[in-house]
Amino acid sequence: MTVVKTQISDVTYNAAEQAFEAMVTFHTGTGITRVPSRFEASLDTDFEAATKGLMAAARENLNRRDALMSRIVETGIRSSRAGERKLTGIQRWFGQFLGQAA
């Protein structure tokens, strides 16, 4: 998987666990993958060090089969313009049957 762009969102510090936590998003040629990340460190850790730790943890999770993650796969299908409805054949048939404009 070739990563084109990486984003870290909503970095928080979990005081109970003494760890930084964030959602890391990997943009690739095949789509988007979001991985939750956790980096154990003290609150006074430099932000750059914390984000590097979060990125490393997310990359490790990306390669684990049992890791929690979300994937949005690019299909090459473009959505229609906002507000435009695409109807299936059965929806069109019911619309005509009930006298509604399809």
C-alpha atoms as a PDB file:
ATOM      1  CA  MET A   1       0.000   0.000   0.000  1.00  0.00           C
ATOM      2  CA  THR A   2       1.566   3.284  -1.106  1.00  0.00           C
ATOM      3  CA  VAL A   3       0.665   6.126   1.234  1.00  0.00           C
ATOM      4  CA  VAL A   4       0.220   9.423  -0.607  1.00  0.00           C
ATOM      5  CA  LYS A   5      -0.828  11.611   2.318  1.00  0.00           C
ATOM      6  CA  THR A   6      -1.224  11.150   6.080  1.00  0.00           C
ATOM      7  CA  GLN A   7      -3.326  13.196   8.519  1.00  0.00           C
ATOM      8  CA  ILE A   8      -3.559  13.158  12.307  1.00  0.00           C
ATOM      9  CA  SER A   9      -6.879  14.373  13.719  1.00  0.00           C
ATOM     10  CA  ASP A  10      -8.013  15.386  17.194  1.00  0.00           C
ATOM     11  CA  VAL A  11      -4.917  14.628  19.264  1.00  0.00           C
ATOM     12  CA  THR A  12      -5.998  14.228  22.896  1.00  0.00           C
ATOM     13  CA  TYR A  13      -4.274  13.223  26.104  1.00  0.00           C
ATOM     14  CA  ASN A  14      -5.858  10.445  28.146  1.00  0.00           C
ATOM     15  CA  ALA A  15      -4.655  11.179  31.691  1.00  0.00           C
ATOM     16  CA  ALA A  16      -6.019   7.913  33.092  1.00  0.00           C
ATOM     17  CA  GLU A  17      -3.951   5.900  30.596  1.00  0.00           C
ATOM     18  CA  GLN A  18      -1.098   8.463  30.412  1.00  0.00           C
ATOM     19  CA  ALA A  19      -1.169   8.308  26.626  1.00  0.00           C
ATOM     20  CA  PHE A  20      -1.784  10.511  23.619  1.00  0.00           C
ATOM     21  CA  GLU A  21      -4.600   9.317  21.357  1.00  0.00           C
ATOM     22  CA  ALA A  22      -5.628  10.329  17.846  1.00  0.00           C
ATOM     23  CA  MET A  23      -7.249   9.196  14.626  1.00  0.00           C
ATOM     24  CA  VAL A  24      -4.699   8.795  11.823  1.00  0.00           C
ATOM     25  CA  THR A  25      -5.925   8.889   8.216  1.00  0.00           C
ATOM     26  CA  PHE A  26      -3.867   7.345   5.414  1.00  0.00           C
ATOM     27  CA  HIS A  27      -4.722   8.445   1.866  1.00  0.00           C
ATOM     28  CA  THR A  28      -3.545   5.880  -0.678  1.00  0.00           C
ATOM     29  CA  GLY A  29      -4.022   5.170  -4.349  1.00  0.00           C
ATOM     30  CA  THR A  30      -6.800   2.711  -3.508  1.00  0.00           C
ATOM     31  CA  GLY A  31      -8.705   4.839  -0.991  1.00  0.00           C
ATOM     32  CA  ILE A  32      -8.714   6.100   2.580  1.00  0.00           C
ATOM     33  CA  THR A  33      -7.898   4.121   5.730  1.00  0.00           C
ATOM     34  CA  ARG A  34      -8.514   5.500   9.229  1.00  0.00           C
ATOM     35  CA  VAL A  35      -6.681   3.931  12.174  1.00  0.00           C
ATOM     36  CA  PRO A  36      -7.024   4.848  15.861  1.00  0.00           C
ATOM     37  CA  SER A  37      -3.632   5.387  17.473  1.00  0.00           C
ATOM     38  CA  ARG A  38      -2.271   5.493  21.021  1.00  0.00           C
ATOM     39  CA  PHE A  39       1.192   6.584  22.216  1.00  0.00           C
ATOM     40  CA  GLU A  40       2.150   6.217  25.877  1.00  0.00           C
ATOM     41  CA  ALA A  41       4.006   9.309  27.106  1.00  0.00           C
ATOM     42  CA  SER A  42       3.816  11.941  29.826  1.00  0.00           C
ATOM     43  CA  LEU A  43       1.756  15.095  29.390  1.00  0.00           C
ATOM     44  CA  ASP A  44       4.878  17.267  29.080  1.00  0.00           C
ATOM     45  CA  THR A  45       6.060  15.343  25.986  1.00  0.00           C
ATOM     46  CA  ASP A  46       6.927  17.563  23.023  1.00  0.00           C
ATOM     47  CA  PHE A  47       4.006  17.689  20.542  1.00  0.00           C
ATOM     48  CA  GLU A  48       6.249  16.709  17.620  1.00  0.00           C
ATOM     49  CA  ALA A  49       7.489  13.640  19.518  1.00  0.00           C
ATOM     50  CA  ALA A  50       3.902  12.714  20.403  1.00  0.00           C
ATOM     51  CA  THR A  51       2.721  12.979  16.781  1.00  0.00           C
ATOM     52  CA  LYS A  52       5.680  10.905  15.562  1.00  0.00           C
ATOM     53  CA  GLY A  53       4.813   8.266  18.160  1.00  0.00           C
ATOM     54  CA  LEU A  54       1.153   8.317  17.110  1.00  0.00           C
ATOM     55  CA  MET A  55       2.150   7.929  13.447  1.00  0.00           C
ATOM     56  CA  ALA A  56       4.456   4.995  14.228  1.00  0.00           C
ATOM     57  CA  ALA A  57       1.748   3.265  16.272  1.00  0.00           C
ATOM     58  CA  ALA A  58      -0.810   3.812  13.489  1.00  0.00           C
ATOM     59  CA  ARG A  59       1.552   2.370  10.862  1.00  0.00           C
ATOM     60  CA  GLU A  60       2.052  -0.704  13.058  1.00  0.00           C
ATOM     61  CA  ASN A  61      -1.727  -1.123  13.371  1.00  0.00           C
ATOM     62  CA  LEU A  62      -2.138  -0.678   9.627  1.00  0.00           C
ATOM     63  CA  ASN A  63      -0.196  -3.904   9.072  1.00  0.00           C
ATOM     64  CA  ARG A  64      -2.041  -5.938  11.720  1.00  0.00           C
ATOM     65  CA  ARG A  65      -4.932  -8.085  10.511  1.00  0.00           C
ATOM     66  CA  ASP A  66      -6.810  -7.806  13.830  1.00  0.00           C
ATOM     67  CA  ALA A  67      -6.455  -4.019  14.190  1.00  0.00           C
ATOM     68  CA  LEU A  68      -9.484  -1.749  14.321  1.00  0.00           C
ATOM     69  CA  MET A  69      -9.669   0.419  11.197  1.00  0.00           C
ATOM     70  CA  SER A  70     -12.048   1.950   8.696  1.00  0.00           C
ATOM     71  CA  ARG A  71     -11.563   1.774   4.929  1.00  0.00           C
ATOM     72  CA  ILE A  72     -13.151   3.746   2.124  1.00  0.00           C
ATOM     73  CA  VAL A  73     -12.179   2.160  -1.194  1.00  0.00           C
ATOM     74  CA  GLU A  74     -12.058   4.198  -4.400  1.00  0.00           C
ATOM     75  CA  THR A  75     -14.298   2.541  -6.980  1.00  0.00           C
ATOM     76  CA  GLY A  76     -13.891   4.960  -9.831  1.00  0.00           C
ATOM     77  CA  ILE A  77     -17.637   5.663  -9.710  1.00  0.00           C
ATOM     78  CA  ARG A  78     -18.378   9.344  -9.315  1.00  0.00           C
ATOM     79  CA  SER A  79     -21.426  10.378  -7.361  1.00  0.00           C
ATOM     80  CA  SER A  80     -24.126  12.412  -9.040  1.00  0.00           C
ATOM     81  CA  ARG A  81     -24.489  16.135  -8.487  1.00  0.00           C
ATOM     82  CA  ALA A  82     -25.832  17.266  -5.142  1.00  0.00           C
ATOM     83  CA  GLY A  83     -29.603  16.986  -5.027  1.00  0.00           C
ATOM     84  CA  GLU A  84     -29.837  14.750  -8.096  1.00  0.00           C
ATOM     85  CA  ARG A  85     -31.483  11.398  -7.358  1.00  0.00           C
ATOM     86  CA  LYS A  86     -30.543   8.205  -9.115  1.00  0.00           C
ATOM     87  CA  LEU A  87     -33.458   5.781  -9.186  1.00  0.00           C
ATOM     88  CA  THR A  88     -33.283   2.037  -9.649  1.00  0.00           C
ATOM     89  CA  GLY A  89     -35.566   0.350 -12.168  1.00  0.00           C
ATOM     90  CA  ILE A  90     -38.014  -0.801  -9.493  1.00  0.00           C
ATOM     91  CA  GLN A  91     -38.163   2.695  -7.954  1.00  0.00           C
ATOM     92  CA  ARG A  92     -38.952   4.177 -11.375  1.00  0.00           C
ATOM     93  CA  TRP A  93     -41.626   1.521 -11.965  1.00  0.00           C
ATOM     94  CA  PHE A  94     -43.296   2.203  -8.593  1.00  0.00           C
ATOM     95  CA  GLY A  95     -43.135   5.936  -9.282  1.00  0.00           C
ATOM     96  CA  GLN A  96     -44.890   5.473 -12.627  1.00  0.00           C
ATOM     97  CA  PHE A  97     -47.369   3.005 -11.139  1.00  0.00           C
ATOM     98  CA  LEU A  98     -48.294   5.452  -8.373  1.00  0.00           C
ATOM     99  CA  GLY A  99     -48.438   8.371 -10.783  1.00  0.00           C
ATOM    100  CA  GLN A 100     -45.426  10.216  -9.385  1.00  0.00           C
ATOM    101  CA  ALA A 101     -42.889  11.975 -11.529  1.00  0.00           C
ATOM    102  CA  ALA A 102     -39.707   9.923 -11.574  1.00  0.00           C
END
